Amino acid sequence: MPLTQWLILNVPTWLLGLLVVGGVVLLSVTGLFACRPLLPHHTKLREHHDVAGPILGVVGVLYAVLLAFVVVTVWQNMDRTNANVQTEANYLADIYRDAEAFAPEFRERVAQLTGDYRRAVVDEEWKTMTRGKMSPSVELIMNQLWALYTHYEPRSPKEQSFFDESVRVLNSFRELRRQRLMDAQAGLHPLLWFVLIAGMVATVLLTYLFGMEDRRVQVAMIALLAMSIALILFTIMLLDFPFTGDISISAEPFRQLILS
């Protein structure tokens, strides 16, 4: 399990946010006071403002573009995953409804398996997905449903038509579940997290090269900058795993299904 997913799962969101944002702000301000004795007096620093200013501007723009790109990416992944969950639930309802065209014993078995699948997903798999794992019970039901269709022989042209459509939906249904399980454990690559954190450190460090008469103003500016960046990184962390934490995709599309 990735470290960020473990933190989201085991630490309350409010406390995690306080630790991330508060920790970044505290380290940034502490770094300013630690670096100030090592740097020339602020009057000397002003001599380098003409050089430090453009460099900070370039680094800030590059880092802002990177942050925006990552935020948009994780947000779009969240929306895509949510849409896939709704489609998966719709396909389950389609399989249940289309079974009405088959023989009574087959129809009853499909109704039983689709109902079991719905309950197992809501009661079990949604909990295991918070850890990036699948539910063996849901996997078993899926295999039983697939085996039921692979061993069934349509008895009329009407059944054949519904059977072909049901198999197509069942294949798409399995693909969506597989994608859901992959989304539950996928996250940003550690290298990208390193780049995001390194960019934050570089941006904050560059602000130390500016000397100001009132140190309290500089402390406030650095604190606000660090807080803004930390909030964005915390947002990325929460959206990175769509089934983990307080900000996660709900199993409501499956709960709303009426399979009886």
Protein backbone atom coordinates (compact mmCIF):
# COMPACT_ATOMS: atom_id res chain seq x y z
CA MET A 1 0.00 0.00 0.00
CA PRO A 2 1.43 3.44 -0.93
CA LEU A 3 2.34 5.69 1.97
CA THR A 4 -0.16 8.39 0.99
CA GLN A 5 -3.00 5.84 0.84
CA TRP A 6 -1.98 4.44 4.23
CA LEU A 7 -2.04 7.94 5.73
CA ILE A 8 -5.46 8.73 4.27
CA LEU A 9 -6.81 5.41 5.56
CA ASN A 10 -5.39 5.53 9.09
CA VAL A 11 -5.27 9.24 9.95
CA PRO A 12 -8.46 11.35 10.25
CA THR A 13 -8.73 13.81 7.39
CA TRP A 14 -8.81 16.89 9.61
CA LEU A 15 -5.74 15.75 11.51
CA LEU A 16 -3.87 14.78 8.35
CA GLY A 17 -4.65 18.16 6.81
CA LEU A 18 -3.47 19.92 9.95
CA LEU A 19 -0.24 17.93 9.96
CA VAL A 20 0.47 18.46 6.26
CA VAL A 21 -0.44 22.15 6.02
CA GLY A 22 0.74 23.10 9.51
CA GLY A 23 3.95 21.12 9.11
CA VAL A 24 4.83 22.75 5.79
CA VAL A 25 4.14 26.24 7.15
CA LEU A 26 6.13 25.58 10.31
CA LEU A 27 9.11 24.19 8.39
CA SER A 28 9.03 27.09 5.94
CA VAL A 29 9.02 29.74 8.65
CA THR A 30 11.62 27.86 10.71
CA GLY A 31 13.81 27.61 7.62
CA LEU A 32 13.65 31.37 7.17
CA PHE A 33 14.96 32.01 10.69
CA ALA A 34 17.57 29.27 10.30
CA CYS A 35 18.87 30.63 6.99
CA ARG A 36 18.81 34.31 7.92
CA PRO A 37 22.11 34.24 9.91
CA LEU A 38 23.78 32.49 6.97
CA LEU A 39 22.70 35.13 4.47
CA PRO A 40 23.98 38.71 4.18
CA HIS A 41 22.02 41.48 5.80
CA HIS A 42 18.82 42.40 4.03
CA THR A 43 20.46 45.48 2.55
CA LYS A 44 22.91 43.17 0.75
CA LEU A 45 20.12 40.87 -0.37
CA ARG A 46 18.40 43.77 -2.11
CA GLU A 47 21.34 44.03 -4.46
CA HIS A 48 20.35 40.61 -5.89
CA HIS A 49 16.62 41.27 -6.19
CA ASP A 50 16.91 42.04 -9.89
CA VAL A 51 18.28 38.52 -10.47
CA ALA A 52 16.35 36.59 -7.81
CA GLY A 53 13.01 38.12 -8.85
CA PRO A 54 12.94 36.78 -12.44
CA ILE A 55 14.27 33.39 -11.32
CA LEU A 56 11.54 33.10 -8.68
CA GLY A 57 8.99 34.14 -11.30
CA VAL A 58 10.09 31.43 -13.73
CA VAL A 59 10.24 28.75 -11.04
CA GLY A 60 6.87 29.85 -9.67
CA VAL A 61 5.19 29.69 -13.07
CA LEU A 62 6.66 26.28 -13.88
CA TYR A 63 5.61 24.92 -10.50
CA ALA A 64 2.14 26.43 -10.79
CA VAL A 65 1.67 24.78 -14.20
CA LEU A 66 2.79 21.44 -12.76
CA LEU A 67 0.42 21.75 -9.80
CA ALA A 68 -2.48 22.70 -12.06
CA PHE A 69 -1.77 19.77 -14.38
CA VAL A 70 -1.67 17.26 -11.51
CA VAL A 71 -4.82 18.65 -9.88
CA VAL A 72 -6.74 18.48 -13.16
CA THR A 73 -5.47 14.96 -13.82
CA VAL A 74 -6.48 13.52 -10.44
CA TRP A 75 -9.82 15.34 -10.62
CA GLN A 76 -10.55 13.93 -14.07
CA ASN A 77 -9.53 10.45 -12.88
CA MET A 78 -11.97 10.82 -10.00
CA ASP A 79 -14.78 11.81 -12.36
CA ARG A 80 -13.94 8.97 -14.76
CA THR A 81 -13.89 6.42 -11.96
CA ASN A 82 -17.22 7.67 -10.63
CA ALA A 83 -18.75 7.40 -14.13
CA ASN A 84 -17.38 3.86 -14.46
CA VAL A 85 -19.00 2.87 -11.16
CA GLN A 86 -22.37 4.18 -12.33
CA THR A 87 -22.00 2.36 -15.65
CA GLU A 88 -21.04 -0.86 -13.87
CA ALA A 89 -24.18 -0.62 -11.73
CA ASN A 90 -26.28 0.03 -14.84
CA TYR A 91 -24.79 -3.03 -16.54
CA LEU A 92 -25.67 -5.15 -13.51
CA ALA A 93 -29.26 -3.95 -13.80
CA ASP A 94 -29.23 -4.73 -17.55
CA ILE A 95 -28.05 -8.29 -16.91
CA TYR A 96 -30.81 -8.78 -14.35
CA ARG A 97 -33.50 -7.30 -16.61
CA ASP A 98 -32.45 -9.13 -19.80
CA ALA A 99 -32.63 -12.45 -17.95
CA GLU A 100 -36.42 -12.18 -18.09
CA ALA A 101 -36.25 -13.44 -21.68
CA PHE A 102 -34.77 -16.80 -20.63
CA ALA A 103 -36.15 -19.96 -19.04
CA PRO A 104 -37.45 -19.63 -15.44
CA GLU A 105 -34.64 -21.66 -13.82
CA PHE A 106 -31.97 -19.63 -15.61
CA ARG A 107 -33.73 -16.36 -14.83
CA GLU A 108 -33.96 -17.22 -11.13
CA ARG A 109 -30.29 -18.11 -10.98
CA VAL A 110 -29.28 -14.85 -12.65
CA ALA A 111 -31.49 -12.92 -10.24
CA GLN A 112 -29.87 -14.67 -7.29
CA LEU A 113 -26.31 -14.05 -8.49
CA THR A 114 -26.88 -10.40 -9.42
CA GLY A 115 -28.48 -9.79 -6.03
CA ASP A 116 -25.58 -11.52 -4.27
CA TYR A 117 -23.11 -9.46 -6.32
CA ARG A 118 -24.81 -6.20 -5.38
CA ARG A 119 -24.80 -7.05 -1.67
CA ALA A 120 -21.21 -8.28 -1.69
CA VAL A 121 -19.97 -5.16 -3.48
CA VAL A 122 -21.75 -2.81 -1.07
CA ASP A 123 -21.02 -4.74 2.14
CA GLU A 124 -17.55 -6.14 1.42
CA GLU A 125 -15.71 -4.90 -1.65
CA TRP A 126 -16.23 -1.21 -0.98
CA LYS A 127 -14.43 -1.73 2.33
CA THR A 128 -11.59 -3.76 0.89
CA MET A 129 -11.07 -1.19 -1.87
CA THR A 130 -10.14 1.40 0.74
CA ARG A 131 -6.97 -0.69 1.12
CA GLY A 132 -6.62 -1.25 -2.63
CA LYS A 133 -7.80 -4.86 -2.38
CA MET A 134 -10.60 -6.85 -4.00
CA SER A 135 -13.21 -9.02 -2.29
CA PRO A 136 -12.83 -12.77 -2.88
CA SER A 137 -16.59 -13.15 -2.45
CA VAL A 138 -17.34 -10.75 -5.30
CA GLU A 139 -14.76 -12.48 -7.48
CA LEU A 140 -16.42 -15.84 -6.77
CA ILE A 141 -19.88 -14.52 -7.66
CA MET A 142 -18.54 -12.97 -10.85
CA ASN A 143 -17.03 -16.32 -11.87
CA GLN A 144 -20.27 -18.13 -11.08
CA LEU A 145 -22.24 -15.66 -13.19
CA TRP A 146 -19.82 -16.06 -16.07
CA ALA A 147 -19.93 -19.86 -15.80
CA LEU A 148 -23.72 -19.73 -15.85
CA TYR A 149 -23.71 -17.97 -19.21
CA THR A 150 -20.93 -20.07 -20.73
CA HIS A 151 -22.88 -23.28 -20.06
CA TYR A 152 -26.28 -22.03 -21.21
CA GLU A 153 -27.66 -22.99 -24.61
CA PRO A 154 -30.29 -20.58 -26.04
CA ARG A 155 -33.50 -22.38 -26.98
CA SER A 156 -35.01 -19.95 -29.47
CA PRO A 157 -34.03 -17.05 -31.75
CA LYS A 158 -35.43 -14.67 -29.15
CA GLU A 159 -33.25 -16.17 -26.43
CA GLN A 160 -30.27 -16.12 -28.77
CA SER A 161 -30.71 -12.40 -29.35
CA PHE A 162 -30.95 -11.63 -25.63
CA PHE A 163 -28.11 -14.05 -24.89
CA ASP A 164 -25.73 -12.29 -27.31
CA GLU A 165 -26.57 -8.91 -25.81
CA SER A 166 -26.21 -10.23 -22.26
CA VAL A 167 -22.78 -11.69 -22.98
CA ARG A 168 -21.65 -8.39 -24.49
CA VAL A 169 -22.86 -6.51 -21.41
CA LEU A 170 -21.31 -9.11 -19.12
CA ASN A 171 -17.90 -8.66 -20.78
CA SER A 172 -18.11 -4.89 -20.39
CA PHE A 173 -19.31 -5.40 -16.82
CA ARG A 174 -16.23 -7.47 -15.97
CA GLU A 175 -13.92 -4.91 -17.57
CA LEU A 176 -15.43 -2.09 -15.50
CA ARG A 177 -14.97 -4.03 -12.28
CA ARG A 178 -11.35 -4.77 -13.19
CA GLN A 179 -10.81 -1.07 -13.92
CA ARG A 180 -12.45 -0.15 -10.59
CA LEU A 181 -10.07 -2.42 -8.71
CA MET A 182 -7.09 -0.94 -10.56
CA ASP A 183 -8.25 2.59 -9.74
CA ALA A 184 -8.54 1.63 -6.06
CA GLN A 185 -4.83 0.87 -5.80
CA ALA A 186 -3.33 3.19 -8.40
CA GLY A 187 -1.86 6.52 -7.40
CA LEU A 188 0.68 9.11 -8.41
CA HIS A 189 4.12 7.67 -9.09
CA PRO A 190 6.59 8.31 -6.23
CA LEU A 191 8.81 10.17 -8.68
CA LEU A 192 6.03 12.68 -9.34
CA TRP A 193 5.53 13.18 -5.60
CA PHE A 194 9.27 13.82 -5.33
CA VAL A 195 9.06 16.45 -8.08
CA LEU A 196 6.06 18.11 -6.42
CA ILE A 197 7.77 18.28 -3.03
CA ALA A 198 11.10 19.36 -4.51
CA GLY A 199 9.33 22.12 -6.44
CA MET A 200 7.68 23.34 -3.27
CA VAL A 201 11.02 23.38 -1.43
CA ALA A 202 12.73 25.25 -4.28
CA THR A 203 9.96 27.83 -4.47
CA VAL A 204 10.02 28.50 -0.73
CA LEU A 205 13.83 28.62 -0.58
CA LEU A 206 13.97 31.23 -3.31
CA THR A 207 11.80 33.54 -1.20
CA TYR A 208 14.55 33.54 1.45
CA LEU A 209 16.74 35.51 -0.97
CA PHE A 210 14.59 38.60 -0.57
CA GLY A 211 15.37 41.00 2.25
CA MET A 212 12.61 43.07 3.87
CA GLU A 213 12.69 45.77 6.53
CA ASP A 214 9.89 44.19 8.53
CA ARG A 215 10.65 40.52 9.08
CA ARG A 216 7.10 39.92 10.27
CA VAL A 217 5.81 40.79 6.82
CA GLN A 218 8.23 38.37 5.18
CA VAL A 219 7.24 35.64 7.64
CA ALA A 220 3.57 36.21 6.85
CA MET A 221 4.21 36.13 3.09
CA ILE A 222 6.21 32.90 3.29
CA ALA A 223 3.63 31.32 5.59
CA LEU A 224 0.80 32.16 3.16
CA LEU A 225 2.78 30.85 0.20
CA ALA A 226 3.63 27.62 2.00
CA MET A 227 0.04 27.20 3.17
CA SER A 228 -1.32 27.66 -0.37
CA ILE A 229 1.04 25.08 -1.84
CA ALA A 230 0.43 22.63 1.02
CA LEU A 231 -3.34 22.90 0.59
CA ILE A 232 -3.03 22.04 -3.09
CA LEU A 233 -0.74 19.08 -2.34
CA PHE A 234 -3.17 17.89 0.34
CA THR A 235 -6.02 18.11 -2.16
CA ILE A 236 -4.02 16.03 -4.63
CA MET A 237 -3.37 13.46 -1.91
CA LEU A 238 -7.08 13.13 -1.06
CA LEU A 239 -8.17 12.82 -4.71
CA ASP A 240 -5.37 10.43 -5.66
CA PHE A 241 -7.19 7.35 -4.31
CA PRO A 242 -10.88 7.59 -5.29
CA PHE A 243 -12.08 4.86 -2.88
CA THR A 244 -10.03 5.78 0.20
CA GLY A 245 -10.73 8.45 2.82
CA ASP A 246 -13.57 10.83 3.51
CA ILE A 247 -13.48 12.25 -0.02
CA SER A 248 -14.21 9.05 -1.90
CA ILE A 249 -16.64 7.57 -4.38
CA SER A 250 -19.77 6.14 -2.82
CA ALA A 251 -21.38 2.75 -3.49
CA GLU A 252 -24.73 4.53 -3.84
CA PRO A 253 -25.24 3.49 -7.51
CA PHE A 254 -25.27 -0.14 -6.33
CA ARG A 255 -27.39 0.58 -3.26
CA GLN A 256 -30.07 2.13 -5.43
CA LEU A 257 -30.44 -0.99 -7.55
CA ILE A 258 -33.62 -2.99 -7.02
CA LEU A 259 -32.87 -6.59 -7.95
CA SER A 260 -35.78 -8.69 -6.79
